[in-house]
């Protein structure tokens, strides 16, 4: 976590990090909203259903309800399935329950296709993600998140899905 935060600072990106008890689900993390105003996400780490193509990371607004198949079609990924815990660890260097776009610091460029929900990309405040561990959350401006991920060599597509439920 400290190395990630140092890299963000070295890139001139302002963040705010809050430590908290471990959270594994969106429902658990909702208890922290008073301390973490802004946009929140759910992150899906997927792989092609057949073949050895790149992994896929979907960074979605937390209330987004979309089937994995519909998401994959919208992203142009073809058929996908959930990646295993071992694949997650090997590719993003995080544990299940800690999936985060910040894990891309550990992935080789081109190894993961990334989509960011347009609702998060357009959020007027900070958007919050685990800084590689689920015992903290780091807030970052959406434009800075995109700039950082792209500086790591990852193409990030902003995906405009159906409006998230209110």
Protein backbone atom coordinates (compact mmCIF):
# COMPACT_ATOMS: atom_id res chain seq x y z
CA UNK A 1 0.00 0.00 0.00
CA UNK A 2 2.73 2.49 0.96
CA UNK A 3 4.59 1.92 -2.32
CA UNK A 4 1.40 2.53 -4.31
CA UNK A 5 0.66 5.74 -2.40
CA UNK A 6 4.25 6.90 -2.96
CA UNK A 7 3.91 6.27 -6.71
CA UNK A 8 0.71 8.28 -6.83
CA UNK A 9 2.35 11.14 -4.92
CA UNK A 10 5.42 11.02 -7.18
CA UNK A 11 3.08 11.38 -10.17
CA UNK A 12 1.68 14.54 -8.59
CA UNK A 13 -1.67 12.92 -7.84
CA UNK A 14 -3.45 13.96 -4.66
CA UNK A 15 -5.27 11.22 -2.78
CA UNK A 16 -6.89 10.71 0.59
CA UNK A 17 -6.47 7.36 2.36
CA UNK A 18 -8.56 6.16 5.28
CA UNK A 19 -7.82 2.96 7.19
CA UNK A 20 -10.74 0.87 8.44
CA UNK A 21 -11.63 -2.70 9.42
CA UNK A 22 -11.39 -5.21 6.57
CA UNK A 23 -14.37 -5.15 4.21
CA UNK A 24 -15.02 -7.86 1.65
CA UNK A 25 -18.27 -6.76 0.00
CA UNK A 26 -20.01 -3.59 -1.15
CA UNK A 27 -22.60 -4.17 1.59
CA UNK A 28 -19.89 -4.22 4.28
CA UNK A 29 -18.23 -1.12 2.89
CA UNK A 30 -21.45 0.89 2.93
CA UNK A 31 -21.10 1.32 6.70
CA UNK A 32 -18.08 3.54 5.97
CA UNK A 33 -19.87 6.08 3.79
CA UNK A 34 -19.82 8.84 6.42
CA UNK A 35 -16.00 8.80 6.37
CA UNK A 36 -15.71 8.32 2.61
CA UNK A 37 -17.91 10.80 0.72
CA UNK A 38 -17.82 10.35 -3.03
CA UNK A 39 -18.19 7.59 -5.60
CA UNK A 40 -17.83 3.92 -4.73
CA UNK A 41 -17.25 0.88 -6.89
CA UNK A 42 -17.50 -2.81 -7.28
CA UNK A 43 -14.73 -4.44 -9.28
CA UNK A 44 -14.92 -7.65 -11.27
CA UNK A 45 -11.80 -9.53 -12.38
CA UNK A 46 -12.69 -11.73 -15.33
CA UNK A 47 -10.98 -13.91 -17.93
CA UNK A 48 -11.92 -15.19 -21.38
CA UNK A 49 -14.16 -18.25 -21.19
CA UNK A 50 -11.95 -19.96 -23.76
CA UNK A 51 -8.37 -19.32 -24.77
CA UNK A 52 -5.53 -17.32 -23.32
CA UNK A 53 -6.61 -13.75 -24.02
CA UNK A 54 -5.97 -10.90 -21.63
CA UNK A 55 -7.79 -10.69 -18.33
CA UNK A 56 -10.60 -8.14 -17.94
CA UNK A 57 -11.20 -5.70 -15.10
CA UNK A 58 -14.58 -4.01 -14.81
CA UNK A 59 -14.67 -1.03 -12.45
CA UNK A 60 -18.37 -0.38 -11.93
CA UNK A 61 -20.42 2.05 -9.86
CA UNK A 62 -21.35 0.12 -6.72
CA UNK A 63 -25.11 0.08 -7.40
CA UNK A 64 -24.69 -0.99 -11.03
CA UNK A 65 -26.75 -4.06 -11.83
CA UNK A 66 -25.61 -5.74 -15.01
CA UNK A 67 -25.08 -9.35 -15.94
CA UNK A 68 -21.50 -10.40 -16.57
CA UNK A 69 -22.50 -11.48 -20.08
CA UNK A 70 -24.14 -8.12 -20.86
CA UNK A 71 -21.11 -6.31 -19.48
CA UNK A 72 -18.73 -8.41 -21.58
CA UNK A 73 -20.80 -7.75 -24.71
CA UNK A 74 -20.86 -4.00 -24.04
CA UNK A 75 -17.09 -4.01 -23.49
CA UNK A 76 -16.42 -6.13 -26.58
CA UNK A 77 -14.75 -8.86 -24.57
CA UNK A 78 -16.60 -11.92 -25.86
CA UNK A 79 -17.55 -14.61 -23.38
CA UNK A 80 -15.91 -14.31 -19.98
CA UNK A 81 -15.94 -16.04 -16.63
CA UNK A 82 -14.71 -15.07 -13.19
CA UNK A 83 -10.95 -15.39 -12.81
CA UNK A 84 -9.67 -17.57 -9.98
CA UNK A 85 -8.16 -16.31 -6.74
CA UNK A 86 -4.78 -17.61 -7.95
CA UNK A 87 -5.07 -15.69 -11.23
CA UNK A 88 -6.07 -12.57 -9.31
CA UNK A 89 -3.06 -12.85 -7.01
CA UNK A 90 -0.67 -13.58 -9.90
CA UNK A 91 -1.95 -10.76 -12.11
CA UNK A 92 -3.00 -7.90 -9.81
CA UNK A 93 -1.16 -8.93 -6.65
CA UNK A 94 -4.26 -8.66 -4.45
CA UNK A 95 -6.44 -11.01 -2.48
CA UNK A 96 -10.12 -11.71 -3.16
CA UNK A 97 -12.14 -8.92 -1.54
CA UNK A 98 -9.44 -6.40 -2.47
CA UNK A 99 -9.95 -6.17 -6.25
CA UNK A 100 -9.05 -2.64 -7.28
CA UNK A 101 -7.92 -0.74 -10.34
CA UNK A 102 -4.83 0.17 -8.30
CA UNK A 103 -3.81 -3.50 -8.70
CA UNK A 104 -2.83 -2.62 -12.25
CA UNK A 105 0.48 -1.36 -10.81
CA UNK A 106 1.35 -5.07 -10.61
CA UNK A 107 0.13 -6.07 -14.08
CA UNK A 108 2.17 -5.97 -17.26
CA UNK A 109 0.89 -3.49 -19.84
CA UNK A 110 -1.65 -5.20 -22.12
CA UNK A 111 -2.23 -8.09 -19.71
CA UNK A 112 -5.58 -6.69 -18.51
CA UNK A 113 -8.32 -4.96 -20.49
CA UNK A 114 -10.02 -2.34 -18.34
CA UNK A 115 -13.39 -0.63 -18.44
CA UNK A 116 -14.42 2.16 -16.11
CA UNK A 117 -18.11 2.84 -15.60
CA UNK A 118 -18.96 6.27 -17.08
CA UNK A 119 -20.86 7.04 -13.86
CA UNK A 120 -17.57 6.84 -11.93
CA UNK A 121 -15.54 8.61 -14.63
CA UNK A 122 -17.95 11.56 -14.46
CA UNK A 123 -18.23 11.67 -10.66
CA UNK A 124 -17.69 15.24 -9.45
CA UNK A 125 -15.84 14.24 -6.27
CA UNK A 126 -13.42 11.57 -5.20
CA UNK A 127 -13.91 7.94 -6.17
CA UNK A 128 -12.75 5.36 -3.63
CA UNK A 129 -10.82 2.13 -4.12
CA UNK A 130 -8.79 -0.23 -1.95
CA UNK A 131 -5.08 0.61 -2.12
CA UNK A 132 -4.20 -3.08 -2.69
CA UNK A 133 -5.58 -4.10 0.72
CA UNK A 134 -9.17 -4.13 1.98
CA UNK A 135 -8.27 -2.49 5.29
CA UNK A 136 -8.05 0.95 3.72
CA UNK A 137 -9.70 3.03 1.01
CA UNK A 138 -8.05 5.68 -1.15
CA UNK A 139 -10.00 8.52 -2.72
CA UNK A 140 -8.81 9.90 -6.05
CA UNK A 141 -10.27 12.26 -8.64
CA UNK A 142 -11.58 10.25 -11.62
CA UNK A 143 -9.38 12.10 -14.13
CA UNK A 144 -6.32 11.39 -11.98
CA UNK A 145 -7.22 7.69 -11.78
CA UNK A 146 -7.43 7.51 -15.58
CA UNK A 147 -4.16 9.41 -15.98
CA UNK A 148 -2.38 7.13 -13.50
CA UNK A 149 -3.63 3.87 -15.04
CA UNK A 150 -2.74 5.06 -18.53
CA UNK A 151 0.73 6.10 -17.32
CA UNK A 152 1.21 2.46 -16.30
CA UNK A 153 0.55 1.41 -19.90
CA UNK A 154 -3.04 0.26 -19.44
CA UNK A 155 -5.70 1.29 -21.90
CA UNK A 156 -8.87 2.17 -20.03
CA UNK A 157 -12.18 2.39 -21.85
CA UNK A 158 -14.95 4.44 -20.28
CA UNK A 159 -18.13 2.40 -20.67
CA UNK A 160 -21.53 4.10 -20.69
CA UNK A 161 -23.98 1.54 -19.32
CA UNK A 162 -27.63 1.94 -18.44
CA UNK A 163 -28.12 4.44 -15.60
CA UNK A 164 -27.37 3.02 -12.18
CA UNK A 165 -30.42 2.61 -9.94
CA UNK A 166 -31.10 5.56 -7.67
